[in-house]
Amino acid sequence: EEIQRETAYPDGKVEKVLKNGCHLIFFPNGTWKKVGSDGKTVTITFFNGDVKQVMPDQTVIYYYADAKTTHTTYSDGLEVLQFSNGQIEKHYPDGKKEITFPDQTIKNLFTDGQEESIFPDGTIVRVQRDGSKTIEFNNGQRELHTSQFKRREYPDGTVKTVYMNGQQETKYGSGRVRVKDKDGNIIMDTKV
């Protein structure tokens, strides 16, 4: 681009005004700033390779050169971080966070302390504030983990519960109930 005007300042800063209306400002430390002809688009390229862009809608895009990470802040408060390994984090204004991992697992962190992870195979894991966990498998099975027991529910209606003391209880869809002690010995079996 053709230079319309160039000004050198005593502090070593140099400003160039281009004929298209852009302003380029060069700082002694190697950082430079470009203000677009609209006066609203600003790009700052720092001496360490970082780049900050401010768009006309006030979206700010900051690229961290060393970490190869981009941090975008939108005018509505949404922040998106894109990491070099493919991980993407979205931080919403209400405090919710959504993380998409390189393997496409999605983890949601809610403001009330609950978490939800959705795995590529369709498995969903939900963790409540009290630490209890629900796992929904893509084959229709479901597990519930609490501080007192672990329970697996099968599509055929069978429910198997293992208590913290080691006792196991299996309720079959037919109505049959079988209970084993911690060593696996049957202590009750109601055959229907």
N, C-alpha and C. Protein backbone atom coordinates (compact mmCIF):
# COMPACT_ATOMS: atom_id res chain seq x y z
N GLU A 1 0.84 -1.20 0.00
CA GLU A 1 0.00 0.00 0.00
C GLU A 1 0.87 1.25 0.00
N GLU A 2 0.38 2.27 -0.66
CA GLU A 2 1.13 3.54 -0.72
C GLU A 2 0.99 4.30 0.58
N ILE A 3 2.09 4.89 1.01
CA ILE A 3 2.10 5.68 2.25
C ILE A 3 1.72 7.12 1.92
N GLN A 4 0.75 7.62 2.67
CA GLN A 4 0.31 9.01 2.49
C GLN A 4 1.13 9.92 3.39
N ARG A 5 1.39 9.44 4.64
CA ARG A 5 2.12 10.27 5.60
C ARG A 5 2.87 9.35 6.57
N GLU A 6 4.07 9.75 6.97
CA GLU A 6 4.85 8.98 7.94
C GLU A 6 5.37 9.94 8.99
N THR A 7 5.19 9.54 10.28
CA THR A 7 5.64 10.38 11.39
C THR A 7 6.51 9.56 12.33
N ALA A 8 7.69 10.09 12.65
CA ALA A 8 8.57 9.44 13.63
C ALA A 8 8.50 10.24 14.92
N TYR A 9 8.28 9.56 16.05
CA TYR A 9 8.15 10.22 17.35
C TYR A 9 9.44 10.07 18.14
N PRO A 10 9.67 10.98 19.11
CA PRO A 10 10.91 10.94 19.90
C PRO A 10 11.11 9.63 20.69
N ASP A 11 10.00 8.97 21.05
CA ASP A 11 10.12 7.72 21.81
C ASP A 11 10.46 6.52 20.92
N GLY A 12 10.64 6.75 19.62
CA GLY A 12 11.02 5.68 18.70
C GLY A 12 9.85 5.09 17.95
N LYS A 13 8.63 5.51 18.30
CA LYS A 13 7.44 5.02 17.62
C LYS A 13 7.35 5.66 16.24
N VAL A 14 6.90 4.87 15.24
CA VAL A 14 6.73 5.38 13.88
C VAL A 14 5.29 5.10 13.45
N GLU A 15 4.61 6.13 12.95
CA GLU A 15 3.25 5.97 12.47
C GLU A 15 3.21 6.22 10.98
N LYS A 16 2.55 5.31 10.27
CA LYS A 16 2.39 5.46 8.82
C LYS A 16 0.89 5.46 8.52
N VAL A 17 0.46 6.46 7.77
CA VAL A 17 -0.92 6.53 7.31
C VAL A 17 -0.91 6.17 5.83
N LEU A 18 -1.68 5.12 5.49
CA LEU A 18 -1.72 4.67 4.11
C LEU A 18 -2.84 5.39 3.35
N LYS A 19 -2.71 5.41 2.04
CA LYS A 19 -3.71 6.10 1.21
C LYS A 19 -5.10 5.48 1.35
N ASN A 20 -5.17 4.19 1.69
CA ASN A 20 -6.48 3.54 1.85
C ASN A 20 -7.13 3.87 3.20
N GLY A 21 -6.44 4.64 4.04
CA GLY A 21 -7.00 5.05 5.33
C GLY A 21 -6.51 4.25 6.52
N CYS A 22 -5.76 3.20 6.29
CA CYS A 22 -5.22 2.40 7.40
C CYS A 22 -4.10 3.17 8.09
N HIS A 23 -3.98 2.94 9.40
CA HIS A 23 -2.87 3.50 10.18
C HIS A 23 -2.01 2.34 10.65
N LEU A 24 -0.71 2.44 10.49
CA LEU A 24 0.24 1.46 10.99
C LEU A 24 1.13 2.17 12.00
N ILE A 25 1.23 1.58 13.20
CA ILE A 25 2.08 2.17 14.24
C ILE A 25 3.09 1.12 14.65
N PHE A 26 4.37 1.46 14.52
CA PHE A 26 5.46 0.54 14.86
C PHE A 26 6.14 1.02 16.14
N PHE A 27 6.26 0.12 17.11
CA PHE A 27 6.88 0.45 18.39
C PHE A 27 8.31 -0.06 18.42
N PRO A 28 9.18 0.58 19.20
CA PRO A 28 10.59 0.19 19.24
C PRO A 28 10.84 -1.27 19.65
N ASN A 29 9.93 -1.85 20.45
CA ASN A 29 10.16 -3.23 20.93
C ASN A 29 9.76 -4.28 19.90
N GLY A 30 9.30 -3.87 18.71
CA GLY A 30 8.93 -4.81 17.67
C GLY A 30 7.43 -5.04 17.55
N THR A 31 6.66 -4.53 18.50
CA THR A 31 5.21 -4.61 18.42
C THR A 31 4.71 -3.60 17.39
N TRP A 32 3.65 -3.98 16.67
CA TRP A 32 3.06 -3.02 15.75
C TRP A 32 1.55 -3.15 15.74
N LYS A 33 0.90 -2.04 15.41
CA LYS A 33 -0.56 -1.95 15.48
C LYS A 33 -1.08 -1.46 14.14
N LYS A 34 -2.16 -2.11 13.67
CA LYS A 34 -2.81 -1.68 12.43
C LYS A 34 -4.25 -1.32 12.76
N VAL A 35 -4.63 -0.10 12.42
CA VAL A 35 -6.01 0.34 12.58
C VAL A 35 -6.61 0.40 11.18
N GLY A 36 -7.65 -0.38 10.95
CA GLY A 36 -8.26 -0.45 9.63
C GLY A 36 -8.85 0.88 9.20
N SER A 37 -9.12 1.01 7.93
CA SER A 37 -9.65 2.26 7.38
C SER A 37 -11.02 2.59 7.98
N ASP A 38 -11.72 1.58 8.53
CA ASP A 38 -13.01 1.84 9.18
C ASP A 38 -12.84 2.44 10.58
N GLY A 39 -11.60 2.41 11.09
CA GLY A 39 -11.33 2.94 12.42
C GLY A 39 -11.78 2.03 13.55
N LYS A 40 -12.40 0.91 13.22
CA LYS A 40 -12.94 0.01 14.23
C LYS A 40 -12.21 -1.33 14.29
N THR A 41 -11.57 -1.72 13.21
CA THR A 41 -10.84 -2.99 13.17
C THR A 41 -9.39 -2.70 13.54
N VAL A 42 -8.96 -3.31 14.65
CA VAL A 42 -7.60 -3.07 15.15
C VAL A 42 -6.89 -4.41 15.30
N THR A 43 -5.67 -4.48 14.78
CA THR A 43 -4.84 -5.67 14.94
C THR A 43 -3.51 -5.24 15.55
N ILE A 44 -3.16 -5.89 16.66
CA ILE A 44 -1.87 -5.62 17.31
C ILE A 44 -1.06 -6.91 17.24
N THR A 45 0.12 -6.82 16.65
CA THR A 45 1.03 -7.96 16.58
C THR A 45 2.17 -7.66 17.55
N PHE A 46 2.24 -8.45 18.61
CA PHE A 46 3.22 -8.21 19.66
C PHE A 46 4.58 -8.79 19.29
N PHE A 47 5.61 -8.28 19.93
CA PHE A 47 6.99 -8.71 19.67
C PHE A 47 7.19 -10.19 19.90
N ASN A 48 6.38 -10.82 20.78
CA ASN A 48 6.53 -12.26 21.07
C ASN A 48 5.72 -13.14 20.11
N GLY A 49 5.05 -12.55 19.14
CA GLY A 49 4.27 -13.31 18.16
C GLY A 49 2.78 -13.37 18.46
N ASP A 50 2.37 -12.96 19.66
CA ASP A 50 0.95 -12.92 19.97
C ASP A 50 0.26 -11.90 19.07
N VAL A 51 -1.01 -12.16 18.76
CA VAL A 51 -1.78 -11.25 17.91
C VAL A 51 -3.14 -11.01 18.57
N LYS A 52 -3.49 -9.72 18.70
CA LYS A 52 -4.80 -9.34 19.23
C LYS A 52 -5.55 -8.59 18.16
N GLN A 53 -6.79 -9.06 17.88
CA GLN A 53 -7.63 -8.37 16.90
C GLN A 53 -8.90 -7.92 17.60
N VAL A 54 -9.29 -6.68 17.34
CA VAL A 54 -10.57 -6.17 17.82
C VAL A 54 -11.40 -5.88 16.57
N MET A 55 -12.56 -6.55 16.49
CA MET A 55 -13.41 -6.44 15.32
C MET A 55 -14.42 -5.30 15.51
N PRO A 56 -15.05 -4.85 14.44
CA PRO A 56 -16.02 -3.75 14.55
C PRO A 56 -17.15 -4.02 15.54
N ASP A 57 -17.55 -5.30 15.72
CA ASP A 57 -18.63 -5.62 16.67
C ASP A 57 -18.10 -5.79 18.09
N GLN A 58 -16.86 -5.43 18.33
CA GLN A 58 -16.17 -5.51 19.63
C GLN A 58 -15.77 -6.94 20.01
N THR A 59 -15.86 -7.89 19.08
CA THR A 59 -15.31 -9.22 19.31
C THR A 59 -13.79 -9.08 19.40
N VAL A 60 -13.20 -9.72 20.42
CA VAL A 60 -11.74 -9.67 20.58
C VAL A 60 -11.19 -11.07 20.37
N ILE A 61 -10.24 -11.19 19.44
CA ILE A 61 -9.60 -12.47 19.15
C ILE A 61 -8.13 -12.33 19.54
N TYR A 62 -7.69 -13.15 20.50
CA TYR A 62 -6.30 -13.08 20.95
C TYR A 62 -5.65 -14.43 20.66
N TYR A 63 -4.56 -14.39 19.91
CA TYR A 63 -3.81 -15.60 19.58
C TYR A 63 -2.53 -15.61 20.39
N TYR A 64 -2.35 -16.66 21.22
CA TYR A 64 -1.13 -16.84 22.01
C TYR A 64 -0.17 -17.68 21.17
N ALA A 65 0.89 -17.08 20.69
CA ALA A 65 1.80 -17.75 19.76
C ALA A 65 2.50 -18.96 20.40
N ASP A 66 3.06 -18.79 21.61
CA ASP A 66 3.79 -19.90 22.23
C ASP A 66 2.90 -21.11 22.46
N ALA A 67 1.67 -20.88 22.95
CA ALA A 67 0.76 -21.98 23.25
C ALA A 67 -0.06 -22.41 22.04
N LYS A 68 0.03 -21.64 20.95
CA LYS A 68 -0.77 -21.91 19.74
C LYS A 68 -2.25 -22.04 20.12
N THR A 69 -2.72 -21.08 20.91
CA THR A 69 -4.09 -21.07 21.42
C THR A 69 -4.78 -19.77 21.03
N THR A 70 -6.03 -19.87 20.63
CA THR A 70 -6.82 -18.69 20.27
C THR A 70 -7.93 -18.51 21.30
N HIS A 71 -8.04 -17.28 21.83
CA HIS A 71 -9.06 -16.94 22.82
C HIS A 71 -9.94 -15.85 22.22
N THR A 72 -11.19 -16.19 21.94
CA THR A 72 -12.12 -15.24 21.33
C THR A 72 -13.15 -14.83 22.36
N THR A 73 -13.33 -13.52 22.54
CA THR A 73 -14.34 -12.99 23.45
C THR A 73 -15.35 -12.21 22.61
N TYR A 74 -16.60 -12.67 22.66
CA TYR A 74 -17.66 -12.02 21.89
C TYR A 74 -18.32 -10.92 22.72
N SER A 75 -18.97 -10.00 22.05
CA SER A 75 -19.57 -8.86 22.74
C SER A 75 -20.67 -9.28 23.71
N ASP A 76 -21.27 -10.46 23.51
CA ASP A 76 -22.31 -10.93 24.45
C ASP A 76 -21.72 -11.63 25.67
N GLY A 77 -20.37 -11.71 25.75
CA GLY A 77 -19.71 -12.31 26.91
C GLY A 77 -19.25 -13.74 26.71
N LEU A 78 -19.65 -14.40 25.64
CA LEU A 78 -19.20 -15.76 25.36
C LEU A 78 -17.70 -15.74 25.07
N GLU A 79 -16.97 -16.66 25.69
CA GLU A 79 -15.54 -16.80 25.42
C GLU A 79 -15.29 -18.19 24.87
N VAL A 80 -14.49 -18.27 23.79
CA VAL A 80 -14.16 -19.55 23.17
C VAL A 80 -12.64 -19.67 23.11
N LEU A 81 -12.12 -20.76 23.66
CA LEU A 81 -10.69 -21.04 23.61
C LEU A 81 -10.47 -22.24 22.70
N GLN A 82 -9.57 -22.08 21.74
CA GLN A 82 -9.24 -23.17 20.82
C GLN A 82 -7.75 -23.49 21.01
N PHE A 83 -7.49 -24.73 21.45
CA PHE A 83 -6.13 -25.16 21.74
C PHE A 83 -5.53 -25.88 20.54
N SER A 84 -4.21 -25.95 20.51
CA SER A 84 -3.51 -26.55 19.37
C SER A 84 -3.79 -28.04 19.22
N ASN A 85 -4.20 -28.72 20.31
CA ASN A 85 -4.49 -30.16 20.22
C ASN A 85 -5.91 -30.43 19.73
N GLY A 86 -6.67 -29.37 19.42
CA GLY A 86 -8.03 -29.53 18.93
C GLY A 86 -9.11 -29.36 20.00
N GLN A 87 -8.70 -29.23 21.25
CA GLN A 87 -9.67 -29.02 22.32
C GLN A 87 -10.28 -27.62 22.18
N ILE A 88 -11.60 -27.54 22.40
CA ILE A 88 -12.30 -26.26 22.34
C ILE A 88 -13.09 -26.10 23.63
N GLU A 89 -12.94 -24.94 24.27
CA GLU A 89 -13.72 -24.64 25.48
C GLU A 89 -14.59 -23.43 25.21
N LYS A 90 -15.84 -23.53 25.64
CA LYS A 90 -16.76 -22.39 25.57
C LYS A 90 -17.13 -22.02 27.00
N HIS A 91 -16.90 -20.76 27.34
CA HIS A 91 -17.25 -20.25 28.66
C HIS A 91 -18.40 -19.26 28.46
N TYR A 92 -19.58 -19.63 28.94
CA TYR A 92 -20.77 -18.81 28.73
C TYR A 92 -20.88 -17.72 29.80
N PRO A 93 -21.56 -16.63 29.49
CA PRO A 93 -21.69 -15.53 30.45
C PRO A 93 -22.35 -15.96 31.78
N ASP A 94 -23.23 -16.99 31.73
CA ASP A 94 -23.90 -17.43 32.95
C ASP A 94 -23.03 -18.34 33.81
N GLY A 95 -21.78 -18.63 33.36
CA GLY A 95 -20.87 -19.46 34.14
C GLY A 95 -20.76 -20.90 33.65
N LYS A 96 -21.67 -21.34 32.79
CA LYS A 96 -21.60 -22.71 32.25
C LYS A 96 -20.37 -22.82 31.35
N LYS A 97 -19.76 -24.01 31.36
CA LYS A 97 -18.62 -24.28 30.48
C LYS A 97 -18.89 -25.55 29.68
N GLU A 98 -18.48 -25.51 28.41
CA GLU A 98 -18.60 -26.68 27.55
C GLU A 98 -17.23 -26.94 26.95
N ILE A 99 -16.72 -28.15 27.15
CA ILE A 99 -15.39 -28.51 26.65
C ILE A 99 -15.57 -29.64 25.63
N THR A 100 -15.03 -29.43 24.43
CA THR A 100 -15.02 -30.49 23.42
C THR A 100 -13.56 -30.95 23.29
N PHE A 101 -13.32 -32.21 23.64
CA PHE A 101 -11.98 -32.76 23.62
C PHE A 101 -11.61 -33.22 22.20
N PRO A 102 -10.33 -33.44 21.94
CA PRO A 102 -9.91 -33.88 20.60
C PRO A 102 -10.62 -35.14 20.11
N ASP A 103 -11.01 -36.05 21.02
CA ASP A 103 -11.71 -37.28 20.60
C ASP A 103 -13.21 -37.05 20.41
N GLN A 104 -13.64 -35.78 20.51
CA GLN A 104 -15.03 -35.34 20.34
C GLN A 104 -15.92 -35.63 21.55
N THR A 105 -15.32 -36.03 22.68
CA THR A 105 -16.08 -36.11 23.93
C THR A 105 -16.46 -34.68 24.31
N ILE A 106 -17.69 -34.49 24.76
CA ILE A 106 -18.15 -33.16 25.18
C ILE A 106 -18.45 -33.21 26.66
N LYS A 107 -17.88 -32.27 27.41
CA LYS A 107 -18.12 -32.19 28.85
C LYS A 107 -18.75 -30.84 29.15
N ASN A 108 -19.91 -30.87 29.82
CA ASN A 108 -20.59 -29.66 30.25
C ASN A 108 -20.44 -29.52 31.75
N LEU A 109 -20.00 -28.34 32.19
CA LEU A 109 -19.88 -28.03 33.60
C LEU A 109 -20.92 -26.95 33.90
N PHE A 110 -21.91 -27.28 34.72
CA PHE A 110 -23.00 -26.37 35.01
C PHE A 110 -22.71 -25.53 36.24
N THR A 111 -23.36 -24.40 36.33
CA THR A 111 -23.11 -23.45 37.43
C THR A 111 -23.52 -24.01 38.79
N ASP A 112 -24.43 -24.99 38.81
CA ASP A 112 -24.86 -25.57 40.09
C ASP A 112 -23.96 -26.71 40.55
N GLY A 113 -22.84 -26.95 39.81
CA GLY A 113 -21.89 -27.99 40.22
C GLY A 113 -22.08 -29.32 39.52
N GLN A 114 -23.16 -29.48 38.77
CA GLN A 114 -23.37 -30.74 38.05
C GLN A 114 -22.48 -30.79 36.81
N GLU A 115 -22.19 -32.01 36.38
CA GLU A 115 -21.37 -32.23 35.17
C GLU A 115 -22.07 -33.25 34.29
N GLU A 116 -21.84 -33.10 32.99
CA GLU A 116 -22.37 -34.07 32.03
C GLU A 116 -21.30 -34.29 30.97
N SER A 117 -20.98 -35.56 30.69
CA SER A 117 -20.03 -35.90 29.64
C SER A 117 -20.74 -36.77 28.62
N ILE A 118 -20.57 -36.40 27.35
CA ILE A 118 -21.17 -37.16 26.25
C ILE A 118 -20.01 -37.70 25.42
N PHE A 119 -19.89 -39.03 25.38
CA PHE A 119 -18.78 -39.68 24.69
C PHE A 119 -19.14 -39.97 23.24
N PRO A 120 -18.13 -40.10 22.37
CA PRO A 120 -18.40 -40.35 20.94
C PRO A 120 -19.26 -41.58 20.68
N ASP A 121 -19.22 -42.59 21.56
CA ASP A 121 -20.01 -43.81 21.33
C ASP A 121 -21.46 -43.64 21.80
N GLY A 122 -21.81 -42.46 22.32
CA GLY A 122 -23.18 -42.20 22.75
C GLY A 122 -23.39 -42.36 24.25
N THR A 123 -22.39 -42.84 24.97
CA THR A 123 -22.50 -42.97 26.42
C THR A 123 -22.57 -41.58 27.04
N ILE A 124 -23.47 -41.43 28.03
CA ILE A 124 -23.63 -40.15 28.73
C ILE A 124 -23.39 -40.40 30.22
N VAL A 125 -22.51 -39.58 30.83
CA VAL A 125 -22.24 -39.67 32.26
C VAL A 125 -22.65 -38.34 32.89
N ARG A 126 -23.52 -38.43 33.90
CA ARG A 126 -23.95 -37.23 34.63
C ARG A 126 -23.50 -37.37 36.08
N VAL A 127 -22.85 -36.33 36.59
CA VAL A 127 -22.38 -36.32 37.97
C VAL A 127 -23.11 -35.20 38.71
N GLN A 128 -23.77 -35.58 39.81
CA GLN A 128 -24.52 -34.61 40.62
C GLN A 128 -23.58 -33.94 41.62
N ARG A 129 -24.05 -32.88 42.24
CA ARG A 129 -23.22 -32.16 43.22
C ARG A 129 -22.80 -33.03 44.38
N ASP A 130 -23.65 -34.01 44.77
CA ASP A 130 -23.31 -34.88 45.89
C ASP A 130 -22.34 -35.99 45.50
N GLY A 131 -21.92 -36.02 44.24
CA GLY A 131 -20.96 -37.03 43.78
C GLY A 131 -21.61 -38.25 43.16
N SER A 132 -22.93 -38.39 43.29
CA SER A 132 -23.59 -39.54 42.67
C SER A 132 -23.50 -39.40 41.15
N LYS A 133 -23.45 -40.54 40.49
CA LYS A 133 -23.18 -40.56 39.06
C LYS A 133 -24.19 -41.47 38.35
N THR A 134 -24.70 -41.00 37.22
CA THR A 134 -25.57 -41.81 36.36
C THR A 134 -24.86 -42.00 35.03
N ILE A 135 -24.79 -43.24 34.58
CA ILE A 135 -24.15 -43.55 33.29
C ILE A 135 -25.21 -44.21 32.41
N GLU A 136 -25.44 -43.60 31.24
CA GLU A 136 -26.38 -44.17 30.28
C GLU A 136 -25.57 -44.68 29.10
N PHE A 137 -25.62 -46.01 28.89
CA PHE A 137 -24.85 -46.63 27.82
C PHE A 137 -25.67 -46.66 26.53
N ASN A 138 -24.98 -46.73 25.41
CA ASN A 138 -25.68 -46.73 24.12
C ASN A 138 -26.42 -48.04 23.85
N ASN A 139 -26.22 -49.07 24.67
CA ASN A 139 -26.91 -50.34 24.49
C ASN A 139 -28.19 -50.41 25.33
N GLY A 140 -28.56 -49.28 25.96
CA GLY A 140 -29.79 -49.24 26.75
C GLY A 140 -29.57 -49.51 28.22
N GLN A 141 -28.38 -49.96 28.60
CA GLN A 141 -28.11 -50.18 30.01
C GLN A 141 -27.85 -48.85 30.70
N ARG A 142 -28.04 -48.86 32.01
CA ARG A 142 -27.88 -47.64 32.79
C ARG A 142 -27.28 -48.01 34.14
N GLU A 143 -26.35 -47.17 34.62
CA GLU A 143 -25.76 -47.41 35.94
C GLU A 143 -25.97 -46.19 36.82
N LEU A 144 -26.12 -46.45 38.10
CA LEU A 144 -26.22 -45.40 39.10
C LEU A 144 -25.19 -45.69 40.17
N HIS A 145 -24.31 -44.74 40.44
CA HIS A 145 -23.29 -44.89 41.48
C HIS A 145 -23.59 -43.87 42.57
N THR A 146 -23.76 -44.35 43.80
CA THR A 146 -23.92 -43.46 44.95
C THR A 146 -22.90 -43.86 46.01
N SER A 147 -22.92 -43.18 47.13
CA SER A 147 -21.99 -43.55 48.20
C SER A 147 -22.41 -44.85 48.87
N GLN A 148 -23.66 -45.29 48.69
CA GLN A 148 -24.15 -46.52 49.31
C GLN A 148 -24.11 -47.74 48.40
N PHE A 149 -24.24 -47.54 47.08
CA PHE A 149 -24.32 -48.69 46.17
C PHE A 149 -23.98 -48.29 44.74
N LYS A 150 -23.81 -49.36 43.93
CA LYS A 150 -23.71 -49.22 42.48
C LYS A 150 -24.79 -50.11 41.90
N ARG A 151 -25.59 -49.56 40.99
CA ARG A 151 -26.71 -50.30 40.43
C ARG A 151 -26.65 -50.24 38.91
N ARG A 152 -26.87 -51.42 38.27
CA ARG A 152 -26.95 -51.45 36.81
C ARG A 152 -28.34 -51.95 36.43
N GLU A 153 -28.96 -51.19 35.52
CA GLU A 153 -30.30 -51.54 35.02
C GLU A 153 -30.15 -51.98 33.57
N TYR A 154 -30.75 -53.13 33.26
CA TYR A 154 -30.65 -53.70 31.92
C TYR A 154 -31.97 -53.49 31.17
N PRO A 155 -31.93 -53.44 29.85
CA PRO A 155 -33.16 -53.22 29.07
C PRO A 155 -34.25 -54.26 29.31
N ASP A 156 -33.86 -55.49 29.70
CA ASP A 156 -34.86 -56.55 29.93
C ASP A 156 -35.55 -56.42 31.29
N GLY A 157 -35.21 -55.37 32.05
CA GLY A 157 -35.83 -55.15 33.36
C GLY A 157 -35.01 -55.66 34.53
N THR A 158 -33.92 -56.36 34.25
CA THR A 158 -33.04 -56.84 35.32
C THR A 158 -32.32 -55.66 35.96
N VAL A 159 -32.24 -55.69 37.30
CA VAL A 159 -31.54 -54.65 38.04
C VAL A 159 -30.58 -55.34 39.01
N LYS A 160 -29.29 -55.02 38.87
CA LYS A 160 -28.29 -55.61 39.75
C LYS A 160 -27.69 -54.50 40.60
N THR A 161 -27.69 -54.70 41.92
CA THR A 161 -27.18 -53.69 42.86
C THR A 161 -26.07 -54.32 43.69
N VAL A 162 -24.95 -53.61 43.77
CA VAL A 162 -23.84 -54.04 44.63
C VAL A 162 -23.71 -52.96 45.71
N TYR A 163 -23.88 -53.37 46.97
CA TYR A 163 -23.80 -52.43 48.09
C TYR A 163 -22.36 -52.29 48.56
N MET A 164 -22.09 -51.23 49.28
CA MET A 164 -20.72 -50.96 49.73
C MET A 164 -20.18 -52.05 50.65
N ASN A 165 -21.07 -52.77 51.33
CA ASN A 165 -20.61 -53.87 52.20
C ASN A 165 -20.31 -55.13 51.40
N GLY A 166 -20.49 -55.07 50.05
CA GLY A 166 -20.17 -56.21 49.20
C GLY A 166 -21.36 -57.08 48.84
N GLN A 167 -22.48 -56.89 49.54
CA GLN A 167 -23.68 -57.68 49.24
C GLN A 167 -24.21 -57.31 47.85
N GLN A 168 -24.69 -58.34 47.13
CA GLN A 168 -25.22 -58.13 45.78
C GLN A 168 -26.68 -58.57 45.74
N GLU A 169 -27.48 -57.76 45.04
CA GLU A 169 -28.89 -58.09 44.89
C GLU A 169 -29.24 -57.99 43.41
N THR A 170 -29.83 -59.06 42.86
CA THR A 170 -30.24 -59.05 41.46
C THR A 170 -31.74 -59.29 41.40
N LYS A 171 -32.45 -58.31 40.80
CA LYS A 171 -33.89 -58.44 40.58
C LYS A 171 -34.07 -58.62 39.08
N TYR A 172 -34.68 -59.76 38.71
CA TYR A 172 -34.88 -60.07 37.30
C TYR A 172 -36.24 -59.55 36.85
N GLY A 173 -36.35 -59.36 35.56
CA GLY A 173 -37.61 -58.89 34.98
C GLY A 173 -38.77 -59.83 35.27
N SER A 174 -38.47 -61.11 35.49
CA SER A 174 -39.50 -62.12 35.77
C SER A 174 -40.05 -61.99 37.18
N GLY A 175 -39.38 -61.22 38.04
CA GLY A 175 -39.80 -61.11 39.43
C GLY A 175 -38.87 -61.85 40.38
N ARG A 176 -38.01 -62.68 39.85
CA ARG A 176 -37.06 -63.42 40.67
C ARG A 176 -36.09 -62.45 41.34
N VAL A 177 -35.72 -62.74 42.60
CA VAL A 177 -34.75 -61.93 43.34
C VAL A 177 -33.69 -62.87 43.90
N ARG A 178 -32.42 -62.52 43.67
CA ARG A 178 -31.31 -63.31 44.19
C ARG A 178 -30.40 -62.37 44.95
N VAL A 179 -30.01 -62.76 46.18
CA VAL A 179 -29.13 -61.96 47.01
C VAL A 179 -27.91 -62.81 47.36
N LYS A 180 -26.72 -62.20 47.20
CA LYS A 180 -25.46 -62.87 47.56
C LYS A 180 -24.75 -62.03 48.60
N ASP A 181 -24.02 -62.72 49.50
CA ASP A 181 -23.22 -61.97 50.48
C ASP A 181 -21.94 -61.49 49.83
N LYS A 182 -21.10 -60.81 50.60
CA LYS A 182 -19.88 -60.21 50.05
C LYS A 182 -18.92 -61.24 49.46
N ASP A 183 -19.03 -62.49 49.86
CA ASP A 183 -18.15 -63.54 49.34
C ASP A 183 -18.75 -64.26 48.14
N GLY A 184 -19.96 -63.85 47.72
CA GLY A 184 -20.60 -64.47 46.55
C GLY A 184 -21.51 -65.64 46.88
N ASN A 185 -21.72 -65.92 48.18
CA ASN A 185 -22.60 -67.01 48.58
C ASN A 185 -24.06 -66.56 48.49
N ILE A 186 -24.90 -67.40 47.90
CA ILE A 186 -26.32 -67.05 47.76
C ILE A 186 -26.98 -67.15 49.13
N ILE A 187 -27.59 -66.06 49.56
CA ILE A 187 -28.29 -66.07 50.86
C ILE A 187 -29.81 -66.01 50.68
N MET A 188 -30.24 -65.69 49.43
CA MET A 188 -31.68 -65.72 49.15
C MET A 188 -31.85 -65.84 47.64
N ASP A 189 -32.81 -66.66 47.23
CA ASP A 189 -33.13 -66.78 45.79
C ASP A 189 -34.60 -67.17 45.69
N THR A 190 -35.39 -66.24 45.22
CA THR A 190 -36.82 -66.53 45.03
C THR A 190 -37.03 -66.85 43.56
N LYS A 191 -37.25 -68.12 43.26
CA LYS A 191 -37.46 -68.54 41.88
C LYS A 191 -38.95 -68.46 41.58
N VAL A 192 -39.26 -67.87 40.47
CA VAL A 192 -40.66 -67.69 40.11
C VAL A 192 -41.10 -68.83 39.22
